[in-house]
Amino acid sequence: MGERDGDDSIAALVARLVDQADRYARAELRFARALLIERLIAARVGAICLVVALVLLLGALIALLVGLILAAAPVMGTLAATVVVTGAAISAAGILGWIALRQLNHATRVEKRP
């Protein structure tokens, strides 16, 4: 038995190895692409649901603020109730925005390491 038997030469084996490695790499890329598309579709559905939920939440918040204005109007007048409720909402939004910015700055801060 010699070192070369028919088509089993070193060059043929290397050529088959390269061909199989190429096929394997292409199959892995197709799999990764399919997985990415599946995850993007799931993320798109999640993002749409989140946007709809935020719109509904905003509508509920507006209804709450209008209800507070209507409830306070007999006590202090329509204009005063509007100013008080709007001022409280703006103050709450400002405080929450300030907290959010502090947290984002803390989370994205780049620290120098020795």
Protein backbone atom coordinates (compact mmCIF):
# COMPACT_ATOMS: atom_id res chain seq x y z
CA MET A 1 0.00 0.00 0.00
CA GLY A 2 1.48 3.27 -1.06
CA GLU A 3 0.94 6.70 0.38
CA ARG A 4 -1.26 7.62 -2.60
CA ASP A 5 -4.33 5.56 -3.33
CA GLY A 6 -6.36 6.86 -6.23
CA ASP A 7 -7.95 10.22 -5.41
CA ASP A 8 -6.74 10.29 -1.81
CA SER A 9 -3.67 12.37 -2.51
CA ILE A 10 -2.71 15.11 -0.07
CA ALA A 11 -3.76 17.77 -2.56
CA ALA A 12 -7.17 16.12 -3.04
CA LEU A 13 -7.67 15.80 0.73
CA VAL A 14 -6.73 19.43 1.27
CA ALA A 15 -9.06 20.49 -1.54
CA ARG A 16 -11.91 18.50 0.07
CA LEU A 17 -11.09 19.99 3.47
CA VAL A 18 -11.21 23.52 2.04
CA ASP A 19 -14.49 22.76 0.26
CA GLN A 20 -16.06 21.31 3.40
CA ALA A 21 -14.79 24.20 5.53
CA ASP A 22 -16.30 26.63 3.02
CA ARG A 23 -19.64 24.79 3.13
CA TYR A 24 -19.57 24.73 6.92
CA ALA A 25 -18.80 28.44 7.13
CA ARG A 26 -21.61 29.27 4.69
CA ALA A 27 -24.05 27.08 6.64
CA GLU A 28 -23.06 28.80 9.89
CA LEU A 29 -23.57 32.21 8.26
CA ARG A 30 -27.00 31.18 6.99
CA PHE A 31 -27.91 29.94 10.46
CA ALA A 32 -26.68 33.14 12.11
CA ARG A 33 -28.62 35.23 9.57
CA ALA A 34 -31.81 33.24 10.18
CA LEU A 35 -31.39 33.60 13.93
CA LEU A 36 -30.79 37.34 13.60
CA ILE A 37 -33.89 37.78 11.43
CA GLU A 38 -35.98 35.80 13.92
CA ARG A 39 -34.76 37.96 16.80
CA LEU A 40 -35.31 41.18 14.85
CA ILE A 41 -38.90 40.17 14.12
CA ALA A 42 -39.45 39.43 17.80
CA ALA A 43 -37.86 42.74 18.75
CA ARG A 44 -40.06 44.57 16.24
CA VAL A 45 -43.20 43.07 17.76
CA GLY A 46 -41.95 43.97 21.23
CA ALA A 47 -41.16 47.53 20.16
CA ILE A 48 -44.61 47.98 18.61
CA CYS A 49 -46.27 46.70 21.78
CA LEU A 50 -44.14 49.04 23.88
CA VAL A 51 -45.07 52.06 21.76
CA VAL A 52 -48.78 51.20 21.96
CA ALA A 53 -48.48 50.73 25.73
CA LEU A 54 -46.76 54.11 26.10
CA VAL A 55 -49.44 55.84 24.01
CA LEU A 56 -52.17 54.27 26.17
CA LEU A 57 -50.28 55.24 29.32
CA LEU A 58 -49.97 58.81 28.07
CA GLY A 59 -53.71 58.91 27.39
CA ALA A 60 -54.42 57.62 30.89
CA LEU A 61 -52.10 60.22 32.39
CA ILE A 62 -53.83 63.00 30.46
CA ALA A 63 -57.21 61.72 31.66
CA LEU A 64 -55.93 61.69 35.24
CA LEU A 65 -54.64 65.25 34.97
CA VAL A 66 -57.91 66.48 33.46
CA GLY A 67 -59.81 64.70 36.24
CA LEU A 68 -57.63 66.36 38.88
CA ILE A 69 -58.24 69.76 37.31
CA LEU A 70 -62.00 69.16 37.23
CA ALA A 71 -61.99 67.93 40.83
CA ALA A 72 -60.00 70.92 42.10
CA ALA A 73 -61.85 73.52 39.99
CA PRO A 74 -64.82 73.98 42.38
CA VAL A 75 -62.46 74.59 45.29
CA MET A 76 -59.96 77.00 43.72
CA GLY A 77 -61.31 77.92 40.31
CA THR A 78 -60.55 76.51 36.89
CA LEU A 79 -57.44 78.59 36.17
CA ALA A 80 -55.85 77.99 39.56
CA ALA A 81 -56.59 74.26 39.39
CA THR A 82 -55.04 74.10 35.92
CA VAL A 83 -51.92 75.94 37.10
CA VAL A 84 -51.53 73.78 40.22
CA VAL A 85 -52.02 70.44 38.44
CA THR A 86 -49.83 71.44 35.49
CA GLY A 87 -47.12 72.75 37.81
CA ALA A 88 -47.16 69.53 39.82
CA ALA A 89 -46.94 67.44 36.65
CA ILE A 90 -44.06 69.53 35.29
CA SER A 91 -42.25 69.32 38.64
CA ALA A 92 -42.65 65.53 38.74
CA ALA A 93 -41.40 65.27 35.15
CA GLY A 94 -38.42 67.48 35.98
CA ILE A 95 -37.46 65.43 39.03
CA LEU A 96 -37.80 62.17 37.11
CA GLY A 97 -35.78 63.60 34.21
CA TRP A 98 -33.05 64.75 36.58
CA ILE A 99 -32.91 61.29 38.20
CA ALA A 100 -32.80 59.66 34.75
CA LEU A 101 -29.93 61.87 33.60
CA ARG A 102 -27.94 61.17 36.77
CA GLN A 103 -28.45 57.43 36.34
CA LEU A 104 -27.51 57.53 32.65
CA ASN A 105 -24.40 59.60 33.40
CA HIS A 106 -23.43 57.16 36.11
CA ALA A 107 -24.03 54.15 33.86
CA THR A 108 -22.05 55.58 30.92
CA ARG A 109 -19.20 57.15 32.85
CA VAL A 110 -15.78 56.05 31.68
CA GLU A 111 -13.43 55.64 34.58
CA LYS A 112 -9.70 55.94 34.20
CA ARG A 113 -7.88 52.89 35.39
CA PRO A 114 -4.29 53.00 36.61
